[in-house]
Amino acid sequence: MTDARIIDGKVYSQNVRDSVAAEVAELKAKHGLTPGLAVVLVGEDAASQIYVRNKGKQTEECGMLSVTRRLPADTAQGELVAIVKALNADPDPWHFGAIAPA
């Protein structure tokens, strides 16, 4: 038999967030850079909205930027692709919420 270990998921995840926050602070201090998370959320799925909201909150708690662009469920694939391409090409995407639909 192997030795079993009980892992406290809340404690473990808090340790990960603390570690990320420390690395973000170091990146800001040494290089003046602030990393972030940009999300494109298509549709009104409640579970997805909760997931994205929680990720945004955790991102900000770690000292990073977080921005979400919400699109209707009937968004055409071409419009979505254009928004993602614009986001990927933007050297300063944190005004992302203001990007007009294609």
PDB file of N, CA and C in Angstrom:
ATOM      1  N   MET A   1       0.823  -1.188   0.000  1.00  0.00           N
ATOM      2  CA  MET A   1       0.000   0.000   0.000  1.00  0.00           C
ATOM      3  C   MET A   1       0.867   1.251   0.000  1.00  0.00           C
ATOM      4  N   THR A   2       0.314   2.294  -0.593  1.00  0.00           N
ATOM      5  CA  THR A   2       1.029   3.573  -0.582  1.00  0.00           C
ATOM      6  C   THR A   2       0.482   4.446   0.549  1.00  0.00           C
ATOM      7  N   ASP A   3       1.293   5.380   0.961  1.00  0.00           N
ATOM      8  CA  ASP A   3       0.855   6.323   1.989  1.00  0.00           C
ATOM      9  C   ASP A   3      -0.128   7.317   1.366  1.00  0.00           C
ATOM     10  N   ALA A   4      -1.260   7.476   1.978  1.00  0.00           N
ATOM     11  CA  ALA A   4      -2.260   8.425   1.492  1.00  0.00           C
ATOM     12  C   ALA A   4      -2.030   9.779   2.134  1.00  0.00           C
ATOM     13  N   ARG A   5      -2.314  10.811   1.354  1.00  0.00           N
ATOM     14  CA  ARG A   5      -2.221  12.170   1.866  1.00  0.00           C
ATOM     15  C   ARG A   5      -3.533  12.877   1.582  1.00  0.00           C
ATOM     16  N   ILE A   6      -4.014  13.598   2.541  1.00  0.00           N
ATOM     17  CA  ILE A   6      -5.193  14.420   2.336  1.00  0.00           C
ATOM     18  C   ILE A   6      -4.711  15.802   1.929  1.00  0.00           C
ATOM     19  N   ILE A   7      -5.227  16.279   0.827  1.00  0.00           N
ATOM     20  CA  ILE A   7      -4.844  17.590   0.306  1.00  0.00           C
ATOM     21  C   ILE A   7      -6.022  18.532   0.498  1.00  0.00           C
ATOM     22  N   ASP A   8      -5.768  19.633   1.171  1.00  0.00           N
ATOM     23  CA  ASP A   8      -6.790  20.651   1.365  1.00  0.00           C
ATOM     24  C   ASP A   8      -6.781  21.555   0.134  1.00  0.00           C
ATOM     25  N   GLY A   9      -7.766  21.388  -0.722  1.00  0.00           N
ATOM     26  CA  GLY A   9      -7.813  22.126  -1.987  1.00  0.00           C
ATOM     27  C   GLY A   9      -7.858  23.630  -1.808  1.00  0.00           C
ATOM     28  N   LYS A  10      -8.576  24.110  -0.804  1.00  0.00           N
ATOM     29  CA  LYS A  10      -8.667  25.555  -0.584  1.00  0.00           C
ATOM     30  C   LYS A  10      -7.318  26.126  -0.185  1.00  0.00           C
ATOM     31  N   VAL A  11      -6.619  25.434   0.698  1.00  0.00           N
ATOM     32  CA  VAL A  11      -5.299  25.894   1.131  1.00  0.00           C
ATOM     33  C   VAL A  11      -4.325  25.837  -0.046  1.00  0.00           C
ATOM     34  N   TYR A  12      -4.355  24.752  -0.797  1.00  0.00           N
ATOM     35  CA  TYR A  12      -3.456  24.593  -1.939  1.00  0.00           C
ATOM     36  C   TYR A  12      -3.702  25.712  -2.969  1.00  0.00           C
ATOM     37  N   SER A  13      -4.982  25.956  -3.297  1.00  0.00           N
ATOM     38  CA  SER A  13      -5.271  26.974  -4.304  1.00  0.00           C
ATOM     39  C   SER A  13      -4.883  28.372  -3.806  1.00  0.00           C
ATOM     40  N   GLN A  14      -5.043  28.631  -2.515  1.00  0.00           N
ATOM     41  CA  GLN A  14      -4.625  29.926  -1.966  1.00  0.00           C
ATOM     42  C   GLN A  14      -3.109  30.083  -2.056  1.00  0.00           C
ATOM     43  N   ASN A  15      -2.376  29.001  -1.801  1.00  0.00           N
ATOM     44  CA  ASN A  15      -0.915  29.037  -1.932  1.00  0.00           C
ATOM     45  C   ASN A  15      -0.507  29.329  -3.372  1.00  0.00           C
ATOM     46  N   VAL A  16      -1.216  28.741  -4.326  1.00  0.00           N
ATOM     47  CA  VAL A  16      -0.922  29.001  -5.741  1.00  0.00           C
ATOM     48  C   VAL A  16      -1.188  30.473  -6.051  1.00  0.00           C
ATOM     49  N   ARG A  17      -2.342  30.999  -5.621  1.00  0.00           N
ATOM     50  CA  ARG A  17      -2.654  32.409  -5.879  1.00  0.00           C
ATOM     51  C   ARG A  17      -1.635  33.335  -5.212  1.00  0.00           C
ATOM     52  N   ASP A  18      -1.203  33.002  -3.999  1.00  0.00           N
ATOM     53  CA  ASP A  18      -0.187  33.811  -3.320  1.00  0.00           C
ATOM     54  C   ASP A  18       1.123  33.813  -4.105  1.00  0.00           C
ATOM     55  N   SER A  19       1.501  32.658  -4.626  1.00  0.00           N
ATOM     56  CA  SER A  19       2.725  32.537  -5.415  1.00  0.00           C
ATOM     57  C   SER A  19       2.617  33.358  -6.702  1.00  0.00           C
ATOM     58  N   VAL A  20       1.468  33.258  -7.364  1.00  0.00           N
ATOM     59  CA  VAL A  20       1.262  34.036  -8.591  1.00  0.00           C
ATOM     60  C   VAL A  20       1.303  35.528  -8.277  1.00  0.00           C
ATOM     61  N   ALA A  21       0.657  35.948  -7.196  1.00  0.00           N
ATOM     62  CA  ALA A  21       0.647  37.364  -6.811  1.00  0.00           C
ATOM     63  C   ALA A  21       2.066  37.869  -6.567  1.00  0.00           C
ATOM     64  N   ALA A  22       2.893  37.051  -5.936  1.00  0.00           N
ATOM     65  CA  ALA A  22       4.279  37.446  -5.682  1.00  0.00           C
ATOM     66  C   ALA A  22       5.045  37.600  -6.996  1.00  0.00           C
ATOM     67  N   GLU A  23       4.817  36.699  -7.925  1.00  0.00           N
ATOM     68  CA  GLU A  23       5.491  36.778  -9.227  1.00  0.00           C
ATOM     69  C   GLU A  23       5.011  37.987 -10.020  1.00  0.00           C
ATOM     70  N   VAL A  24       3.713  38.273  -9.937  1.00  0.00           N
ATOM     71  CA  VAL A  24       3.172  39.454 -10.616  1.00  0.00           C
ATOM     72  C   VAL A  24       3.798  40.721 -10.034  1.00  0.00           C
ATOM     73  N   ALA A  25       3.874  40.803  -8.707  1.00  0.00           N
ATOM     74  CA  ALA A  25       4.483  41.969  -8.064  1.00  0.00           C
ATOM     75  C   ALA A  25       5.934  42.140  -8.502  1.00  0.00           C
ATOM     76  N   GLU A  26       6.649  41.037  -8.609  1.00  0.00           N
ATOM     77  CA  GLU A  26       8.046  41.104  -9.049  1.00  0.00           C
ATOM     78  C   GLU A  26       8.145  41.566 -10.501  1.00  0.00           C
ATOM     79  N   LEU A  27       7.265  41.079 -11.352  1.00  0.00           N
ATOM     80  CA  LEU A  27       7.250  41.480 -12.754  1.00  0.00           C
ATOM     81  C   LEU A  27       6.969  42.975 -12.875  1.00  0.00           C
ATOM     82  N   LYS A  28       6.031  43.456 -12.074  1.00  0.00           N
ATOM     83  CA  LYS A  28       5.720  44.887 -12.082  1.00  0.00           C
ATOM     84  C   LYS A  28       6.917  45.703 -11.605  1.00  0.00           C
ATOM     85  N   ALA A  29       7.533  45.276 -10.501  1.00  0.00           N
ATOM     86  CA  ALA A  29       8.643  46.020  -9.905  1.00  0.00           C
ATOM     87  C   ALA A  29       9.865  46.033 -10.816  1.00  0.00           C
ATOM     88  N   LYS A  30      10.201  44.905 -11.394  1.00  0.00           N
ATOM     89  CA  LYS A  30      11.427  44.806 -12.194  1.00  0.00           C
ATOM     90  C   LYS A  30      11.265  45.321 -13.607  1.00  0.00           C
ATOM     91  N   HIS A  31      10.067  45.142 -14.207  1.00  0.00           N
ATOM     92  CA  HIS A  31       9.922  45.432 -15.630  1.00  0.00           C
ATOM     93  C   HIS A  31       8.787  46.404 -15.950  1.00  0.00           C
ATOM     94  N   GLY A  32       8.018  46.796 -14.927  1.00  0.00           N
ATOM     95  CA  GLY A  32       6.907  47.707 -15.171  1.00  0.00           C
ATOM     96  C   GLY A  32       5.782  47.102 -15.992  1.00  0.00           C
ATOM     97  N   LEU A  33       5.686  45.790 -15.992  1.00  0.00           N
ATOM     98  CA  LEU A  33       4.665  45.090 -16.774  1.00  0.00           C
ATOM     99  C   LEU A  33       3.577  44.538 -15.860  1.00  0.00           C
ATOM    100  N   THR A  34       2.345  44.627 -16.327  1.00  0.00           N
ATOM    101  CA  THR A  34       1.229  44.051 -15.582  1.00  0.00           C
ATOM    102  C   THR A  34       0.543  43.027 -16.482  1.00  0.00           C
ATOM    103  N   PRO A  35       0.656  41.743 -16.151  1.00  0.00           N
ATOM    104  CA  PRO A  35      -0.011  40.723 -16.955  1.00  0.00           C
ATOM    105  C   PRO A  35      -1.510  40.762 -16.723  1.00  0.00           C
ATOM    106  N   GLY A  36      -2.243  40.078 -17.564  1.00  0.00           N
ATOM    107  CA  GLY A  36      -3.681  40.083 -17.393  1.00  0.00           C
ATOM    108  C   GLY A  36      -4.376  38.970 -18.129  1.00  0.00           C
ATOM    109  N   LEU A  37      -5.688  38.949 -17.966  1.00  0.00           N
ATOM    110  CA  LEU A  37      -6.553  37.953 -18.571  1.00  0.00           C
ATOM    111  C   LEU A  37      -7.647  38.678 -19.331  1.00  0.00           C
ATOM    112  N   ALA A  38      -7.759  38.397 -20.614  1.00  0.00           N
ATOM    113  CA  ALA A  38      -8.843  38.929 -21.432  1.00  0.00           C
ATOM    114  C   ALA A  38      -9.718  37.758 -21.848  1.00  0.00           C
ATOM    115  N   VAL A  39     -11.026  37.907 -21.659  1.00  0.00           N
ATOM    116  CA  VAL A  39     -11.968  36.834 -21.944  1.00  0.00           C
ATOM    117  C   VAL A  39     -13.018  37.319 -22.925  1.00  0.00           C
ATOM    118  N   VAL A  40     -13.364  36.478 -23.880  1.00  0.00           N
ATOM    119  CA  VAL A  40     -14.489  36.714 -24.767  1.00  0.00           C
ATOM    120  C   VAL A  40     -15.538  35.675 -24.384  1.00  0.00           C
ATOM    121  N   LEU A  41     -16.659  36.140 -23.862  1.00  0.00           N
ATOM    122  CA  LEU A  41     -17.721  35.251 -23.408  1.00  0.00           C
ATOM    123  C   LEU A  41     -18.895  35.379 -24.366  1.00  0.00           C
ATOM    124  N   VAL A  42     -19.232  34.283 -25.012  1.00  0.00           N
ATOM    125  CA  VAL A  42     -20.319  34.277 -25.989  1.00  0.00           C
ATOM    126  C   VAL A  42     -21.525  33.572 -25.385  1.00  0.00           C
ATOM    127  N   GLY A  43     -22.649  34.264 -25.361  1.00  0.00           N
ATOM    128  CA  GLY A  43     -23.883  33.668 -24.863  1.00  0.00           C
ATOM    129  C   GLY A  43     -24.136  33.979 -23.407  1.00  0.00           C
ATOM    130  N   GLU A  44     -25.219  33.406 -22.897  1.00  0.00           N
ATOM    131  CA  GLU A  44     -25.697  33.716 -21.556  1.00  0.00           C
ATOM    132  C   GLU A  44     -25.673  32.501 -20.634  1.00  0.00           C
ATOM    133  N   ASP A  45     -24.810  31.542 -20.880  1.00  0.00           N
ATOM    134  CA  ASP A  45     -24.750  30.359 -20.028  1.00  0.00           C
ATOM    135  C   ASP A  45     -24.365  30.769 -18.608  1.00  0.00           C
ATOM    136  N   ALA A  46     -25.250  30.453 -17.646  1.00  0.00           N
ATOM    137  CA  ALA A  46     -25.046  30.899 -16.263  1.00  0.00           C
ATOM    138  C   ALA A  46     -23.752  30.342 -15.668  1.00  0.00           C
ATOM    139  N   ALA A  47     -23.471  29.075 -15.914  1.00  0.00           N
ATOM    140  CA  ALA A  47     -22.253  28.468 -15.357  1.00  0.00           C
ATOM    141  C   ALA A  47     -21.005  29.138 -15.932  1.00  0.00           C
ATOM    142  N   SER A  48     -21.022  29.444 -17.211  1.00  0.00           N
ATOM    143  CA  SER A  48     -19.877  30.117 -17.834  1.00  0.00           C
ATOM    144  C   SER A  48     -19.698  31.518 -17.268  1.00  0.00           C
ATOM    145  N   GLN A  49     -20.800  32.215 -17.034  1.00  0.00           N
ATOM    146  CA  GLN A  49     -20.717  33.555 -16.472  1.00  0.00           C
ATOM    147  C   GLN A  49     -20.114  33.526 -15.069  1.00  0.00           C
ATOM    148  N   ILE A  50     -20.515  32.559 -14.260  1.00  0.00           N
ATOM    149  CA  ILE A  50     -19.955  32.424 -12.912  1.00  0.00           C
ATOM    150  C   ILE A  50     -18.471  32.105 -12.991  1.00  0.00           C
ATOM    151  N   TYR A  51     -18.098  31.162 -13.875  1.00  0.00           N
ATOM    152  CA  TYR A  51     -16.695  30.775 -14.033  1.00  0.00           C
ATOM    153  C   TYR A  51     -15.851  31.988 -14.430  1.00  0.00           C
ATOM    154  N   VAL A  52     -16.314  32.723 -15.426  1.00  0.00           N
ATOM    155  CA  VAL A  52     -15.554  33.877 -15.919  1.00  0.00           C
ATOM    156  C   VAL A  52     -15.469  34.956 -14.844  1.00  0.00           C
ATOM    157  N   ARG A  53     -16.567  35.216 -14.133  1.00  0.00           N
ATOM    158  CA  ARG A  53     -16.551  36.214 -13.062  1.00  0.00           C
ATOM    159  C   ARG A  53     -15.540  35.831 -11.981  1.00  0.00           C
ATOM    160  N   ASN A  54     -15.531  34.553 -11.588  1.00  0.00           N
ATOM    161  CA  ASN A  54     -14.594  34.097 -10.552  1.00  0.00           C
ATOM    162  C   ASN A  54     -13.149  34.184 -11.030  1.00  0.00           C
ATOM    163  N   LYS A  55     -12.887  33.825 -12.264  1.00  0.00           N
ATOM    164  CA  LYS A  55     -11.519  33.928 -12.796  1.00  0.00           C
ATOM    165  C   LYS A  55     -11.071  35.382 -12.845  1.00  0.00           C
ATOM    166  N   GLY A  56     -11.972  36.268 -13.233  1.00  0.00           N
ATOM    167  CA  GLY A  56     -11.635  37.686 -13.262  1.00  0.00           C
ATOM    168  C   GLY A  56     -11.306  38.210 -11.871  1.00  0.00           C
ATOM    169  N   LYS A  57     -12.114  37.819 -10.895  1.00  0.00           N
ATOM    170  CA  LYS A  57     -11.883  38.243  -9.520  1.00  0.00           C
ATOM    171  C   LYS A  57     -10.533  37.725  -9.013  1.00  0.00           C
ATOM    172  N   GLN A  58     -10.245  36.454  -9.252  1.00  0.00           N
ATOM    173  CA  GLN A  58      -8.972  35.871  -8.801  1.00  0.00           C
ATOM    174  C   GLN A  58      -7.791  36.519  -9.519  1.00  0.00           C
ATOM    175  N   THR A  59      -7.967  36.834 -10.784  1.00  0.00           N
ATOM    176  CA  THR A  59      -6.914  37.494 -11.550  1.00  0.00           C
ATOM    177  C   THR A  59      -6.584  38.850 -10.931  1.00  0.00           C
ATOM    178  N   GLU A  60      -7.624  39.625 -10.628  1.00  0.00           N
ATOM    179  CA  GLU A  60      -7.417  40.938 -10.028  1.00  0.00           C
ATOM    180  C   GLU A  60      -6.822  40.832  -8.624  1.00  0.00           C
ATOM    181  N   GLU A  61      -7.231  39.829  -7.861  1.00  0.00           N
ATOM    182  CA  GLU A  61      -6.676  39.633  -6.515  1.00  0.00           C
ATOM    183  C   GLU A  61      -5.178  39.338  -6.562  1.00  0.00           C
ATOM    184  N   CYS A  62      -4.717  38.814  -7.673  1.00  0.00           N
ATOM    185  CA  CYS A  62      -3.279  38.534  -7.837  1.00  0.00           C
ATOM    186  C   CYS A  62      -2.527  39.746  -8.387  1.00  0.00           C
ATOM    187  N   GLY A  63      -3.232  40.851  -8.595  1.00  0.00           N
ATOM    188  CA  GLY A  63      -2.581  42.063  -9.069  1.00  0.00           C
ATOM    189  C   GLY A  63      -2.539  42.205 -10.577  1.00  0.00           C
ATOM    190  N   MET A  64      -3.260  41.334 -11.275  1.00  0.00           N
ATOM    191  CA  MET A  64      -3.271  41.391 -12.729  1.00  0.00           C
ATOM    192  C   MET A  64      -4.487  42.156 -13.228  1.00  0.00           C
ATOM    193  N   LEU A  65      -4.478  42.472 -14.494  1.00  0.00           N
ATOM    194  CA  LEU A  65      -5.612  43.111 -15.143  1.00  0.00           C
ATOM    195  C   LEU A  65      -6.590  42.044 -15.606  1.00  0.00           C
ATOM    196  N   SER A  66      -7.855  42.388 -15.632  1.00  0.00           N
ATOM    197  CA  SER A  66      -8.875  41.455 -16.107  1.00  0.00           C
ATOM    198  C   SER A  66      -9.931  42.231 -16.866  1.00  0.00           C
ATOM    199  N   VAL A  67     -10.266  41.748 -18.050  1.00  0.00           N
ATOM    200  CA  VAL A  67     -11.301  42.392 -18.844  1.00  0.00           C
ATOM    201  C   VAL A  67     -12.100  41.302 -19.554  1.00  0.00           C
ATOM    202  N   THR A  68     -13.415  41.515 -19.626  1.00  0.00           N
ATOM    203  CA  THR A  68     -14.295  40.541 -20.269  1.00  0.00           C
ATOM    204  C   THR A  68     -15.129  41.252 -21.321  1.00  0.00           C
ATOM    205  N   ARG A  69     -15.210  40.657 -22.476  1.00  0.00           N
ATOM    206  CA  ARG A  69     -16.075  41.144 -23.559  1.00  0.00           C
ATOM    207  C   ARG A  69     -17.199  40.140 -23.705  1.00  0.00           C
ATOM    208  N   ARG A  70     -18.442  40.581 -23.509  1.00  0.00           N
ATOM    209  CA  ARG A  70     -19.604  39.717 -23.619  1.00  0.00           C
ATOM    210  C   ARG A  70     -20.262  39.912 -24.986  1.00  0.00           C
ATOM    211  N   LEU A  71     -20.552  38.799 -25.617  1.00  0.00           N
ATOM    212  CA  LEU A  71     -21.196  38.832 -26.922  1.00  0.00           C
ATOM    213  C   LEU A  71     -22.475  38.001 -26.881  1.00  0.00           C
ATOM    214  N   PRO A  72     -23.452  38.349 -27.695  1.00  0.00           N
ATOM    215  CA  PRO A  72     -24.684  37.554 -27.719  1.00  0.00           C
ATOM    216  C   PRO A  72     -24.443  36.158 -28.289  1.00  0.00           C
ATOM    217  N   ALA A  73     -25.330  35.242 -27.945  1.00  0.00           N
ATOM    218  CA  ALA A  73     -25.200  33.848 -28.382  1.00  0.00           C
ATOM    219  C   ALA A  73     -25.237  33.712 -29.899  1.00  0.00           C
ATOM    220  N   ASP A  74     -25.880  34.641 -30.569  1.00  0.00           N
ATOM    221  CA  ASP A  74     -25.985  34.542 -32.028  1.00  0.00           C
ATOM    222  C   ASP A  74     -24.833  35.229 -32.760  1.00  0.00           C
ATOM    223  N   THR A  75     -23.754  35.527 -32.053  1.00  0.00           N
ATOM    224  CA  THR A  75     -22.583  36.139 -32.675  1.00  0.00           C
ATOM    225  C   THR A  75     -22.037  35.229 -33.763  1.00  0.00           C
ATOM    226  N   ALA A  76     -21.831  35.787 -34.926  1.00  0.00           N
ATOM    227  CA  ALA A  76     -21.305  35.014 -36.053  1.00  0.00           C
ATOM    228  C   ALA A  76     -19.851  34.624 -35.787  1.00  0.00           C
ATOM    229  N   GLN A  77     -19.474  33.466 -36.280  1.00  0.00           N
ATOM    230  CA  GLN A  77     -18.111  32.981 -36.072  1.00  0.00           C
ATOM    231  C   GLN A  77     -17.095  33.972 -36.620  1.00  0.00           C
ATOM    232  N   GLY A  78     -17.362  34.547 -37.767  1.00  0.00           N
ATOM    233  CA  GLY A  78     -16.439  35.508 -38.361  1.00  0.00           C
ATOM    234  C   GLY A  78     -16.226  36.721 -37.475  1.00  0.00           C
ATOM    235  N   GLU A  79     -17.293  37.193 -36.826  1.00  0.00           N
ATOM    236  CA  GLU A  79     -17.185  38.336 -35.925  1.00  0.00           C
ATOM    237  C   GLU A  79     -16.341  37.973 -34.708  1.00  0.00           C
ATOM    238  N   LEU A  80     -16.573  36.789 -34.177  1.00  0.00           N
ATOM    239  CA  LEU A  80     -15.802  36.325 -33.021  1.00  0.00           C
ATOM    240  C   LEU A  80     -14.327  36.193 -33.375  1.00  0.00           C
ATOM    241  N   VAL A  81     -14.039  35.592 -34.502  1.00  0.00           N
ATOM    242  CA  VAL A  81     -12.654  35.427 -34.941  1.00  0.00           C
ATOM    243  C   VAL A  81     -11.983  36.789 -35.120  1.00  0.00           C
ATOM    244  N   ALA A  82     -12.705  37.754 -35.687  1.00  0.00           N
ATOM    245  CA  ALA A  82     -12.145  39.090 -35.879  1.00  0.00           C
ATOM    246  C   ALA A  82     -11.817  39.747 -34.538  1.00  0.00           C
ATOM    247  N   ILE A  83     -12.685  39.567 -33.550  1.00  0.00           N
ATOM    248  CA  ILE A  83     -12.433  40.141 -32.234  1.00  0.00           C
ATOM    249  C   ILE A  83     -11.214  39.492 -31.588  1.00  0.00           C
ATOM    250  N   VAL A  84     -11.113  38.172 -31.685  1.00  0.00           N
ATOM    251  CA  VAL A  84      -9.959  37.466 -31.099  1.00  0.00           C
ATOM    252  C   VAL A  84      -8.675  37.882 -31.805  1.00  0.00           C
ATOM    253  N   LYS A  85      -8.714  38.000 -33.134  1.00  0.00           N
ATOM    254  CA  LYS A  85      -7.526  38.440 -33.868  1.00  0.00           C
ATOM    255  C   LYS A  85      -7.123  39.859 -33.465  1.00  0.00           C
ATOM    256  N   ALA A  86      -8.100  40.742 -33.311  1.00  0.00           N
ATOM    257  CA  ALA A  86      -7.797  42.115 -32.898  1.00  0.00           C
ATOM    258  C   ALA A  86      -7.190  42.129 -31.504  1.00  0.00           C
ATOM    259  N   LEU A  87      -7.723  41.315 -30.637  1.00  0.00           N
ATOM    260  CA  LEU A  87      -7.184  41.228 -29.277  1.00  0.00           C
ATOM    261  C   LEU A  87      -5.750  40.703 -29.292  1.00  0.00           C
ATOM    262  N   ASN A  88      -5.502  39.657 -30.066  1.00  0.00           N
ATOM    263  CA  ASN A  88      -4.156  39.081 -30.143  1.00  0.00           C
ATOM    264  C   ASN A  88      -3.144  40.051 -30.742  1.00  0.00           C
ATOM    265  N   ALA A  89      -3.587  40.914 -31.641  1.00  0.00           N
ATOM    266  CA  ALA A  89      -2.675  41.841 -32.314  1.00  0.00           C
ATOM    267  C   ALA A  89      -2.457  43.123 -31.527  1.00  0.00           C
ATOM    268  N   ASP A  90      -3.269  43.361 -30.517  1.00  0.00           N
ATOM    269  CA  ASP A  90      -3.222  44.625 -29.781  1.00  0.00           C
ATOM    270  C   ASP A  90      -2.119  44.598 -28.733  1.00  0.00           C
ATOM    271  N   PRO A  91      -1.130  45.497 -28.815  1.00  0.00           N
ATOM    272  CA  PRO A  91      -0.063  45.518 -27.813  1.00  0.00           C
ATOM    273  C   PRO A  91      -0.551  46.015 -26.444  1.00  0.00           C
ATOM    274  N   ASP A  92      -1.717  46.668 -26.409  1.00  0.00           N
ATOM    275  CA  ASP A  92      -2.281  47.171 -25.155  1.00  0.00           C
ATOM    276  C   ASP A  92      -3.769  46.833 -25.129  1.00  0.00           C
ATOM    277  N   PRO A  93      -4.099  45.560 -24.858  1.00  0.00           N
ATOM    278  CA  PRO A  93      -5.486  45.106 -25.007  1.00  0.00           C
ATOM    279  C   PRO A  93      -6.420  45.475 -23.868  1.00  0.00           C
ATOM    280  N   TRP A  94      -5.969  46.269 -22.918  1.00  0.00           N
ATOM    281  CA  TRP A  94      -6.785  46.474 -21.723  1.00  0.00           C
ATOM    282  C   TRP A  94      -7.929  47.455 -21.922  1.00  0.00           C
ATOM    283  N   HIS A  95      -8.018  48.031 -23.093  1.00  0.00           N
ATOM    284  CA  HIS A  95      -9.195  48.802 -23.473  1.00  0.00           C
ATOM    285  C   HIS A  95     -10.173  47.900 -24.218  1.00  0.00           C
ATOM    286  N   PHE A  96      -9.895  46.625 -24.185  1.00  0.00           N
ATOM    287  CA  PHE A  96     -10.574  45.574 -24.937  1.00  0.00           C
ATOM    288  C   PHE A  96     -12.092  45.660 -24.884  1.00  0.00           C
ATOM    289  N   GLY A  97     -12.654  46.005 -23.758  1.00  0.00           N
ATOM    290  CA  GLY A  97     -14.096  46.088 -23.641  1.00  0.00           C
ATOM    291  C   GLY A  97     -14.692  47.122 -24.591  1.00  0.00           C
ATOM    292  N   ALA A  98     -13.851  48.060 -25.025  1.00  0.00           N
ATOM    293  CA  ALA A  98     -14.331  49.125 -25.905  1.00  0.00           C
ATOM    294  C   ALA A  98     -14.205  48.775 -27.379  1.00  0.00           C
ATOM    295  N   ILE A  99     -13.630  47.625 -27.715  1.00  0.00           N
ATOM    296  CA  ILE A  99     -13.476  47.236 -29.104  1.00  0.00           C
ATOM    297  C   ILE A  99     -14.859  47.070 -29.723  1.00  0.00           C
ATOM    298  N   ALA A 100     -15.112  47.777 -30.796  1.00  0.00           N
ATOM    299  CA  ALA A 100     -16.412  47.681 -31.460  1.00  0.00           C
ATOM    300  C   ALA A 100     -16.499  46.360 -32.219  1.00  0.00           C
ATOM    301  N   PRO A 101     -17.690  45.758 -32.245  1.00  0.00           N
ATOM    302  CA  PRO A 101     -17.863  44.526 -33.024  1.00  0.00           C
ATOM    303  C   PRO A 101     -17.554  44.775 -34.485  1.00  0.00           C
ATOM    304  N   ALA A 102     -17.077  43.739 -35.139  1.00  0.00           N
ATOM    305  CA  ALA A 102     -16.721  43.852 -36.562  1.00  0.00           C
ATOM    306  C   ALA A 102     -17.963  44.059 -37.410  1.00  0.00           C
TER     307      ALA A 102
END
